[in-house]
Amino acid sequence: YIQYLDKLERRCIFVENEVGMKVATITNWWNYTKMRRDPWIHWMAVHPQYQGLGLGKGIVFKAMNNIEELDGDSNVVFVK
């Protein structure tokens, strides 16, 4: 991501707790498939202490909206 720091600012999302500690994150990016650029969810994580609170669902929802805003309405690939 280092060569795309300007894009990373808009594509890496964090959730912070009340004291500013980052407790969840997701990165939406892209990958080239033949002649087109497909949006991907590259990774997502929620701190174990904050799991089960719905943060994962919320951050995925935010990332999907972000992808639609940045890349248009298209299929998204989730990387395992």
N, C-alpha and C. Protein backbone atom coordinates (compact mmCIF):
# COMPACT_ATOMS: atom_id res chain seq x y z
N TYR A 1 0.80 -1.21 0.00
CA TYR A 1 0.00 0.00 0.00
C TYR A 1 0.84 1.27 0.00
N ILE A 2 2.11 1.17 0.28
CA ILE A 2 2.94 2.33 0.51
C ILE A 2 2.95 3.31 -0.67
N GLN A 3 2.87 2.81 -1.87
CA GLN A 3 2.88 3.72 -3.02
C GLN A 3 1.53 4.38 -3.26
N TYR A 4 0.52 4.00 -2.49
CA TYR A 4 -0.82 4.56 -2.65
C TYR A 4 -1.33 5.18 -1.35
N LEU A 5 -0.48 5.84 -0.60
CA LEU A 5 -0.89 6.39 0.69
C LEU A 5 -2.09 7.33 0.60
N ASP A 6 -2.17 8.09 -0.48
CA ASP A 6 -3.31 8.99 -0.65
C ASP A 6 -4.62 8.22 -0.78
N LYS A 7 -4.59 7.07 -1.43
CA LYS A 7 -5.78 6.24 -1.58
C LYS A 7 -6.06 5.44 -0.30
N LEU A 8 -5.01 5.05 0.38
CA LEU A 8 -5.17 4.27 1.60
C LEU A 8 -5.95 5.04 2.66
N GLU A 9 -5.77 6.35 2.72
CA GLU A 9 -6.50 7.16 3.69
C GLU A 9 -8.01 7.00 3.55
N ARG A 10 -8.49 6.82 2.34
CA ARG A 10 -9.93 6.69 2.11
C ARG A 10 -10.40 5.25 2.14
N ARG A 11 -9.48 4.29 2.06
CA ARG A 11 -9.87 2.89 1.92
C ARG A 11 -9.60 2.05 3.16
N CYS A 12 -8.88 2.57 4.12
CA CYS A 12 -8.63 1.86 5.37
C CYS A 12 -9.48 2.52 6.45
N ILE A 13 -10.37 1.76 7.06
CA ILE A 13 -11.35 2.28 8.00
C ILE A 13 -11.07 1.69 9.38
N PHE A 14 -11.20 2.52 10.41
CA PHE A 14 -11.01 2.07 11.78
C PHE A 14 -12.22 2.43 12.63
N VAL A 15 -12.44 1.62 13.66
CA VAL A 15 -13.39 1.93 14.72
C VAL A 15 -12.56 2.12 15.98
N GLU A 16 -12.79 3.21 16.67
CA GLU A 16 -12.06 3.49 17.91
C GLU A 16 -13.00 3.42 19.09
N ASN A 17 -12.47 2.98 20.24
CA ASN A 17 -13.27 2.99 21.47
C ASN A 17 -13.29 4.40 22.06
N GLU A 18 -13.87 4.53 23.23
CA GLU A 18 -14.04 5.85 23.85
C GLU A 18 -12.73 6.56 24.21
N VAL A 19 -11.63 5.82 24.30
CA VAL A 19 -10.34 6.46 24.62
C VAL A 19 -9.42 6.55 23.40
N GLY A 20 -9.96 6.25 22.21
CA GLY A 20 -9.19 6.40 20.98
C GLY A 20 -8.39 5.20 20.55
N MET A 21 -8.53 4.06 21.24
CA MET A 21 -7.84 2.84 20.83
C MET A 21 -8.57 2.23 19.63
N LYS A 22 -7.82 1.87 18.61
CA LYS A 22 -8.42 1.24 17.44
C LYS A 22 -8.80 -0.20 17.79
N VAL A 23 -10.09 -0.53 17.63
CA VAL A 23 -10.57 -1.85 18.03
C VAL A 23 -11.11 -2.67 16.86
N ALA A 24 -11.26 -2.05 15.70
CA ALA A 24 -11.69 -2.77 14.50
C ALA A 24 -11.15 -2.04 13.28
N THR A 25 -10.91 -2.80 12.23
CA THR A 25 -10.38 -2.21 11.00
C THR A 25 -10.81 -3.05 9.80
N ILE A 26 -10.86 -2.39 8.66
CA ILE A 26 -11.14 -3.07 7.39
C ILE A 26 -10.46 -2.27 6.29
N THR A 27 -10.00 -2.95 5.27
CA THR A 27 -9.39 -2.28 4.14
C THR A 27 -10.08 -2.73 2.87
N ASN A 28 -10.63 -1.77 2.13
CA ASN A 28 -11.17 -2.11 0.82
C ASN A 28 -10.19 -1.59 -0.23
N TRP A 29 -9.86 -2.45 -1.16
CA TRP A 29 -8.84 -2.16 -2.15
C TRP A 29 -9.31 -2.64 -3.50
N TRP A 30 -8.41 -2.97 -4.37
CA TRP A 30 -8.78 -3.48 -5.68
C TRP A 30 -7.75 -4.48 -6.14
N ASN A 31 -8.12 -5.23 -7.13
CA ASN A 31 -7.22 -6.17 -7.79
C ASN A 31 -7.56 -6.14 -9.27
N TYR A 32 -6.58 -6.31 -10.10
CA TYR A 32 -6.83 -6.30 -11.54
C TYR A 32 -7.13 -7.71 -12.01
N THR A 33 -8.25 -7.85 -12.69
CA THR A 33 -8.67 -9.12 -13.27
C THR A 33 -8.80 -8.90 -14.77
N LYS A 34 -7.89 -9.45 -15.51
CA LYS A 34 -7.82 -9.24 -16.96
C LYS A 34 -7.76 -7.76 -17.25
N MET A 35 -8.80 -7.20 -17.83
CA MET A 35 -8.78 -5.80 -18.26
C MET A 35 -9.49 -4.85 -17.30
N ARG A 36 -9.95 -5.33 -16.15
CA ARG A 36 -10.70 -4.44 -15.27
C ARG A 36 -10.15 -4.47 -13.85
N ARG A 37 -10.51 -3.46 -13.10
CA ARG A 37 -10.11 -3.35 -11.71
C ARG A 37 -11.33 -3.70 -10.85
N ASP A 38 -11.22 -4.77 -10.07
CA ASP A 38 -12.32 -5.22 -9.22
C ASP A 38 -12.08 -4.80 -7.78
N PRO A 39 -13.12 -4.26 -7.11
CA PRO A 39 -12.97 -3.92 -5.70
C PRO A 39 -12.90 -5.18 -4.84
N TRP A 40 -12.05 -5.14 -3.83
CA TRP A 40 -11.85 -6.27 -2.92
C TRP A 40 -11.90 -5.77 -1.49
N ILE A 41 -12.36 -6.63 -0.60
CA ILE A 41 -12.14 -6.45 0.83
C ILE A 41 -10.89 -7.26 1.13
N HIS A 42 -9.78 -6.58 1.38
CA HIS A 42 -8.51 -7.28 1.58
C HIS A 42 -8.41 -7.91 2.96
N TRP A 43 -8.87 -7.22 3.98
CA TRP A 43 -8.86 -7.83 5.31
C TRP A 43 -9.71 -7.01 6.26
N MET A 44 -10.13 -7.69 7.32
CA MET A 44 -10.97 -7.09 8.35
C MET A 44 -10.63 -7.76 9.67
N ALA A 45 -10.60 -6.98 10.74
CA ALA A 45 -10.30 -7.54 12.06
C ALA A 45 -11.02 -6.75 13.14
N VAL A 46 -11.43 -7.47 14.19
CA VAL A 46 -12.01 -6.85 15.37
C VAL A 46 -11.24 -7.39 16.57
N HIS A 47 -10.79 -6.50 17.44
CA HIS A 47 -10.08 -6.89 18.65
C HIS A 47 -10.94 -7.90 19.42
N PRO A 48 -10.34 -9.00 19.92
CA PRO A 48 -11.13 -10.04 20.59
C PRO A 48 -12.04 -9.50 21.72
N GLN A 49 -11.58 -8.53 22.45
CA GLN A 49 -12.36 -7.98 23.55
C GLN A 49 -13.63 -7.27 23.06
N TYR A 50 -13.67 -6.89 21.78
CA TYR A 50 -14.80 -6.15 21.23
C TYR A 50 -15.63 -6.98 20.25
N GLN A 51 -15.32 -8.26 20.13
CA GLN A 51 -16.10 -9.12 19.25
C GLN A 51 -17.46 -9.42 19.87
N GLY A 52 -18.43 -9.67 19.01
CA GLY A 52 -19.78 -9.98 19.47
C GLY A 52 -20.63 -8.75 19.75
N LEU A 53 -20.12 -7.57 19.42
CA LEU A 53 -20.84 -6.32 19.66
C LEU A 53 -21.43 -5.73 18.38
N GLY A 54 -21.25 -6.41 17.26
CA GLY A 54 -21.76 -5.91 15.99
C GLY A 54 -20.81 -5.00 15.24
N LEU A 55 -19.59 -4.84 15.75
CA LEU A 55 -18.63 -3.96 15.08
C LEU A 55 -18.23 -4.51 13.71
N GLY A 56 -18.11 -5.82 13.59
CA GLY A 56 -17.75 -6.43 12.31
C GLY A 56 -18.79 -6.14 11.25
N LYS A 57 -20.05 -6.33 11.59
CA LYS A 57 -21.13 -6.04 10.63
C LYS A 57 -21.13 -4.57 10.25
N GLY A 58 -20.96 -3.71 11.24
CA GLY A 58 -20.97 -2.28 10.97
C GLY A 58 -19.83 -1.83 10.09
N ILE A 59 -18.64 -2.36 10.33
CA ILE A 59 -17.49 -1.92 9.55
C ILE A 59 -17.53 -2.49 8.13
N VAL A 60 -18.08 -3.69 7.96
CA VAL A 60 -18.26 -4.23 6.61
C VAL A 60 -19.28 -3.38 5.86
N PHE A 61 -20.37 -3.00 6.51
CA PHE A 61 -21.38 -2.14 5.89
C PHE A 61 -20.74 -0.82 5.45
N LYS A 62 -19.95 -0.22 6.31
CA LYS A 62 -19.27 1.04 5.99
C LYS A 62 -18.32 0.85 4.79
N ALA A 63 -17.57 -0.24 4.79
CA ALA A 63 -16.64 -0.51 3.69
C ALA A 63 -17.38 -0.71 2.37
N MET A 64 -18.51 -1.40 2.41
CA MET A 64 -19.28 -1.62 1.18
C MET A 64 -19.81 -0.30 0.64
N ASN A 65 -20.27 0.58 1.52
CA ASN A 65 -20.71 1.90 1.08
C ASN A 65 -19.54 2.70 0.51
N ASN A 66 -18.39 2.56 1.14
CA ASN A 66 -17.18 3.24 0.68
C ASN A 66 -16.78 2.75 -0.72
N ILE A 67 -16.87 1.45 -0.94
CA ILE A 67 -16.55 0.89 -2.25
C ILE A 67 -17.49 1.44 -3.31
N GLU A 68 -18.77 1.49 -2.99
CA GLU A 68 -19.74 2.01 -3.95
C GLU A 68 -19.43 3.48 -4.29
N GLU A 69 -19.07 4.24 -3.27
CA GLU A 69 -18.73 5.65 -3.48
C GLU A 69 -17.47 5.82 -4.33
N LEU A 70 -16.45 5.01 -4.06
CA LEU A 70 -15.15 5.17 -4.73
C LEU A 70 -15.06 4.43 -6.06
N ASP A 71 -15.70 3.26 -6.15
CA ASP A 71 -15.53 2.40 -7.32
C ASP A 71 -16.80 2.17 -8.11
N GLY A 72 -17.91 2.71 -7.65
CA GLY A 72 -19.17 2.48 -8.34
C GLY A 72 -19.83 1.19 -7.87
N ASP A 73 -20.97 0.92 -8.42
CA ASP A 73 -21.76 -0.26 -8.06
C ASP A 73 -21.23 -1.46 -8.83
N SER A 74 -20.50 -2.33 -8.14
CA SER A 74 -19.94 -3.51 -8.79
C SER A 74 -19.81 -4.64 -7.79
N ASN A 75 -19.52 -5.83 -8.28
CA ASN A 75 -19.32 -6.98 -7.41
C ASN A 75 -18.03 -6.80 -6.61
N VAL A 76 -18.03 -7.33 -5.39
CA VAL A 76 -16.88 -7.21 -4.50
C VAL A 76 -16.37 -8.60 -4.19
N VAL A 77 -15.05 -8.76 -4.17
CA VAL A 77 -14.41 -10.03 -3.83
C VAL A 77 -13.88 -9.94 -2.40
N PHE A 78 -14.19 -10.94 -1.58
CA PHE A 78 -13.65 -11.03 -0.23
C PHE A 78 -12.49 -12.00 -0.24
N VAL A 79 -11.33 -11.56 0.18
CA VAL A 79 -10.12 -12.37 0.19
C VAL A 79 -10.01 -13.06 1.53
N LYS A 80 -9.78 -14.37 1.53
CA LYS A 80 -9.63 -15.10 2.79
C LYS A 80 -8.17 -15.15 3.18
